[in-house]
Amino acid sequence: MAKKVTIGGQNANVLAVEIGKKTYSVPLAGSMKRKDVLALKDEESVYAMFARYIPSEVLDDMTVDEYNQLAQAWADANAEESGASLGES
């Protein structure tokens, strides 16, 4: 009997980020396109990824500690989802 796999159509796994009175949804790496995840090579590319889901004006008004908290929460959620840190195989 042939095996079957269905690709696509799943709900995206996201990190819900509450900033002020708004909630933003940032997809986790497993729900992003492979090319977009591979492009996350430095601080600027990570900021650009966040800015796709959270307005840059909001990101720019964050303190460094708040931004670091966002980045760490996203990394932790990815590790929890996949069981490995980004960059690990």
N, C-alpha and C. Protein backbone atom coordinates (compact mmCIF):
# COMPACT_ATOMS: atom_id res chain seq x y z
N MET A 1 0.85 -1.18 0.00
CA MET A 1 0.00 0.00 0.00
C MET A 1 0.90 1.24 0.00
N ALA A 2 0.54 2.21 -0.79
CA ALA A 2 1.32 3.45 -0.89
C ALA A 2 1.11 4.31 0.35
N LYS A 3 2.14 5.01 0.73
CA LYS A 3 2.04 5.96 1.84
C LYS A 3 1.61 7.29 1.27
N LYS A 4 0.99 8.11 2.10
CA LYS A 4 0.47 9.38 1.64
C LYS A 4 0.90 10.48 2.60
N VAL A 5 1.25 11.63 2.04
CA VAL A 5 1.55 12.80 2.85
C VAL A 5 0.80 13.98 2.25
N THR A 6 0.19 14.77 3.08
CA THR A 6 -0.51 15.97 2.62
C THR A 6 0.31 17.18 3.06
N ILE A 7 0.70 18.00 2.11
CA ILE A 7 1.51 19.18 2.39
C ILE A 7 0.69 20.42 2.12
N GLY A 8 0.75 21.35 3.05
CA GLY A 8 -0.01 22.58 2.91
C GLY A 8 -1.38 22.45 3.54
N GLY A 9 -2.01 23.59 3.73
CA GLY A 9 -3.35 23.58 4.29
C GLY A 9 -3.41 23.54 5.80
N GLN A 10 -2.26 23.40 6.46
CA GLN A 10 -2.28 23.37 7.91
C GLN A 10 -2.40 24.79 8.46
N ASN A 11 -2.87 24.90 9.68
CA ASN A 11 -2.89 26.19 10.36
C ASN A 11 -1.47 26.52 10.78
N ALA A 12 -1.12 27.78 10.65
CA ALA A 12 0.22 28.22 11.04
C ALA A 12 0.33 28.25 12.57
N ASN A 13 1.46 27.78 13.07
CA ASN A 13 1.77 27.93 14.49
C ASN A 13 2.41 29.29 14.67
N VAL A 14 1.89 30.05 15.62
CA VAL A 14 2.37 31.42 15.81
C VAL A 14 2.69 31.69 17.28
N LEU A 15 3.49 32.72 17.47
CA LEU A 15 3.72 33.27 18.80
C LEU A 15 2.84 34.50 18.88
N ALA A 16 1.91 34.52 19.83
CA ALA A 16 1.06 35.69 20.04
C ALA A 16 1.83 36.67 20.93
N VAL A 17 2.04 37.87 20.41
CA VAL A 17 2.85 38.88 21.10
C VAL A 17 1.93 40.04 21.49
N GLU A 18 1.78 40.25 22.78
CA GLU A 18 0.97 41.37 23.25
C GLU A 18 1.89 42.56 23.51
N ILE A 19 1.62 43.65 22.80
CA ILE A 19 2.37 44.89 22.99
C ILE A 19 1.33 45.98 23.20
N GLY A 20 1.35 46.56 24.38
CA GLY A 20 0.31 47.52 24.71
C GLY A 20 -1.02 46.82 24.73
N LYS A 21 -1.98 47.34 23.99
CA LYS A 21 -3.32 46.75 23.96
C LYS A 21 -3.56 45.92 22.71
N LYS A 22 -2.52 45.73 21.89
CA LYS A 22 -2.67 44.96 20.66
C LYS A 22 -1.93 43.63 20.76
N THR A 23 -2.44 42.66 20.04
CA THR A 23 -1.78 41.36 19.95
C THR A 23 -1.40 41.12 18.49
N TYR A 24 -0.14 40.74 18.30
CA TYR A 24 0.38 40.45 16.97
C TYR A 24 0.72 38.97 16.90
N SER A 25 0.59 38.38 15.73
CA SER A 25 0.90 36.97 15.52
C SER A 25 2.15 36.86 14.65
N VAL A 26 3.19 36.27 15.23
CA VAL A 26 4.44 36.05 14.50
C VAL A 26 4.57 34.55 14.28
N PRO A 27 4.61 34.11 13.01
CA PRO A 27 4.69 32.67 12.77
C PRO A 27 5.99 32.08 13.30
N LEU A 28 5.89 30.85 13.76
CA LEU A 28 7.08 30.13 14.18
C LEU A 28 7.77 29.58 12.94
N ALA A 29 9.03 29.25 13.08
CA ALA A 29 9.85 28.83 11.93
C ALA A 29 9.22 27.67 11.16
N GLY A 30 8.61 26.74 11.86
CA GLY A 30 8.01 25.59 11.19
C GLY A 30 6.85 25.95 10.29
N SER A 31 6.28 27.13 10.48
CA SER A 31 5.16 27.58 9.65
C SER A 31 5.59 28.60 8.60
N MET A 32 6.88 28.90 8.56
CA MET A 32 7.41 29.87 7.59
C MET A 32 7.97 29.13 6.38
N LYS A 33 8.09 29.86 5.28
CA LYS A 33 8.72 29.28 4.10
C LYS A 33 10.19 29.04 4.42
N ARG A 34 10.70 27.95 3.88
CA ARG A 34 12.09 27.54 4.14
C ARG A 34 13.06 28.66 3.78
N LYS A 35 12.84 29.31 2.64
CA LYS A 35 13.75 30.37 2.20
C LYS A 35 13.76 31.54 3.19
N ASP A 36 12.61 31.82 3.83
CA ASP A 36 12.55 32.91 4.80
C ASP A 36 13.30 32.56 6.07
N VAL A 37 13.23 31.31 6.49
CA VAL A 37 13.97 30.89 7.69
C VAL A 37 15.47 30.90 7.41
N LEU A 38 15.87 30.42 6.24
CA LEU A 38 17.29 30.40 5.90
C LEU A 38 17.87 31.82 5.78
N ALA A 39 17.02 32.81 5.53
CA ALA A 39 17.48 34.19 5.40
C ALA A 39 17.75 34.85 6.76
N LEU A 40 17.37 34.20 7.86
CA LEU A 40 17.56 34.76 9.20
C LEU A 40 19.00 34.54 9.65
N LYS A 41 19.89 35.37 9.15
CA LYS A 41 21.32 35.18 9.40
C LYS A 41 21.91 36.17 10.39
N ASP A 42 21.25 37.31 10.59
CA ASP A 42 21.81 38.34 11.47
C ASP A 42 20.68 39.16 12.09
N GLU A 43 21.06 40.10 12.93
CA GLU A 43 20.08 40.92 13.65
C GLU A 43 19.16 41.67 12.69
N GLU A 44 19.71 42.20 11.61
CA GLU A 44 18.89 42.96 10.65
C GLU A 44 17.84 42.09 9.98
N SER A 45 18.20 40.87 9.64
CA SER A 45 17.24 39.99 8.98
C SER A 45 16.15 39.53 9.95
N VAL A 46 16.51 39.35 11.22
CA VAL A 46 15.51 38.98 12.23
C VAL A 46 14.55 40.15 12.44
N TYR A 47 15.09 41.37 12.55
CA TYR A 47 14.25 42.56 12.69
C TYR A 47 13.30 42.68 11.49
N ALA A 48 13.81 42.47 10.28
CA ALA A 48 12.97 42.56 9.08
C ALA A 48 11.86 41.51 9.12
N MET A 49 12.16 40.33 9.63
CA MET A 49 11.14 39.29 9.74
C MET A 49 10.06 39.74 10.74
N PHE A 50 10.46 40.24 11.92
CA PHE A 50 9.48 40.71 12.90
C PHE A 50 8.65 41.85 12.31
N ALA A 51 9.27 42.74 11.52
CA ALA A 51 8.58 43.90 10.96
C ALA A 51 7.53 43.50 9.92
N ARG A 52 7.59 42.27 9.44
CA ARG A 52 6.54 41.79 8.53
C ARG A 52 5.23 41.56 9.28
N TYR A 53 5.32 41.34 10.60
CA TYR A 53 4.15 40.98 11.39
C TYR A 53 3.82 41.99 12.48
N ILE A 54 4.80 42.79 12.86
CA ILE A 54 4.63 43.84 13.87
C ILE A 54 5.10 45.14 13.22
N PRO A 55 4.28 46.18 13.19
CA PRO A 55 4.72 47.42 12.53
C PRO A 55 6.07 47.91 13.05
N SER A 56 6.91 48.37 12.13
CA SER A 56 8.24 48.82 12.52
C SER A 56 8.17 49.96 13.53
N GLU A 57 7.13 50.79 13.47
CA GLU A 57 6.99 51.87 14.45
C GLU A 57 6.86 51.29 15.86
N VAL A 58 6.17 50.18 15.98
CA VAL A 58 6.00 49.52 17.28
C VAL A 58 7.33 48.94 17.73
N LEU A 59 8.02 48.25 16.82
CA LEU A 59 9.32 47.67 17.16
C LEU A 59 10.32 48.75 17.56
N ASP A 60 10.32 49.87 16.84
CA ASP A 60 11.28 50.94 17.11
C ASP A 60 11.02 51.64 18.44
N ASP A 61 9.79 51.58 18.93
CA ASP A 61 9.47 52.19 20.22
C ASP A 61 9.77 51.27 21.40
N MET A 62 10.16 50.04 21.12
CA MET A 62 10.50 49.10 22.19
C MET A 62 11.87 49.45 22.77
N THR A 63 12.05 49.14 24.05
CA THR A 63 13.38 49.25 24.62
C THR A 63 14.21 48.07 24.12
N VAL A 64 15.50 48.14 24.31
CA VAL A 64 16.36 47.01 23.92
C VAL A 64 15.97 45.77 24.70
N ASP A 65 15.68 45.92 25.98
CA ASP A 65 15.27 44.77 26.80
C ASP A 65 13.96 44.16 26.28
N GLU A 66 13.01 45.00 25.90
CA GLU A 66 11.74 44.49 25.38
C GLU A 66 11.95 43.75 24.06
N TYR A 67 12.77 44.33 23.18
CA TYR A 67 13.04 43.67 21.90
C TYR A 67 13.75 42.33 22.12
N ASN A 68 14.71 42.32 23.03
CA ASN A 68 15.41 41.07 23.35
C ASN A 68 14.45 40.04 23.92
N GLN A 69 13.48 40.49 24.72
CA GLN A 69 12.47 39.59 25.27
C GLN A 69 11.63 38.98 24.14
N LEU A 70 11.26 39.80 23.16
CA LEU A 70 10.53 39.31 21.99
C LEU A 70 11.34 38.26 21.24
N ALA A 71 12.59 38.59 20.94
CA ALA A 71 13.44 37.67 20.19
C ALA A 71 13.64 36.36 20.94
N GLN A 72 13.84 36.44 22.25
CA GLN A 72 14.04 35.23 23.06
C GLN A 72 12.77 34.39 23.13
N ALA A 73 11.62 35.06 23.27
CA ALA A 73 10.35 34.32 23.32
C ALA A 73 10.10 33.59 22.01
N TRP A 74 10.44 34.23 20.87
CA TRP A 74 10.27 33.58 19.57
C TRP A 74 11.21 32.39 19.44
N ALA A 75 12.46 32.56 19.86
CA ALA A 75 13.43 31.46 19.79
C ALA A 75 12.99 30.31 20.70
N ASP A 76 12.54 30.63 21.90
CA ASP A 76 12.08 29.59 22.84
C ASP A 76 10.87 28.85 22.30
N ALA A 77 9.93 29.58 21.70
CA ALA A 77 8.73 28.93 21.13
C ALA A 77 9.11 28.00 19.99
N ASN A 78 10.09 28.41 19.19
CA ASN A 78 10.56 27.54 18.10
C ASN A 78 11.21 26.28 18.65
N ALA A 79 12.03 26.43 19.68
CA ALA A 79 12.69 25.27 20.29
C ALA A 79 11.67 24.32 20.88
N GLU A 80 10.65 24.88 21.50
CA GLU A 80 9.60 24.05 22.11
C GLU A 80 8.81 23.30 21.02
N GLU A 81 8.56 23.99 19.92
CA GLU A 81 7.78 23.37 18.83
C GLU A 81 8.56 22.24 18.16
N SER A 82 9.84 22.49 17.90
CA SER A 82 10.62 21.51 17.12
C SER A 82 11.50 20.61 17.96
N GLY A 83 11.75 21.01 19.20
CA GLY A 83 12.64 20.23 20.05
C GLY A 83 14.10 20.55 19.82
N ALA A 84 14.39 21.55 18.97
CA ALA A 84 15.77 21.95 18.69
C ALA A 84 15.82 23.46 18.50
N SER A 85 16.95 24.05 18.80
CA SER A 85 17.14 25.47 18.57
C SER A 85 17.33 25.72 17.09
N LEU A 86 16.99 26.94 16.64
CA LEU A 86 17.25 27.29 15.25
C LEU A 86 18.74 27.15 15.00
N GLY A 87 19.08 26.61 13.85
CA GLY A 87 20.47 26.39 13.52
C GLY A 87 20.96 24.99 13.85
N GLU A 88 20.21 24.26 14.67
CA GLU A 88 20.56 22.87 14.96
C GLU A 88 19.89 21.97 13.93
N SER A 89 20.50 20.83 13.66
CA SER A 89 19.85 19.90 12.74
C SER A 89 19.13 18.81 13.46
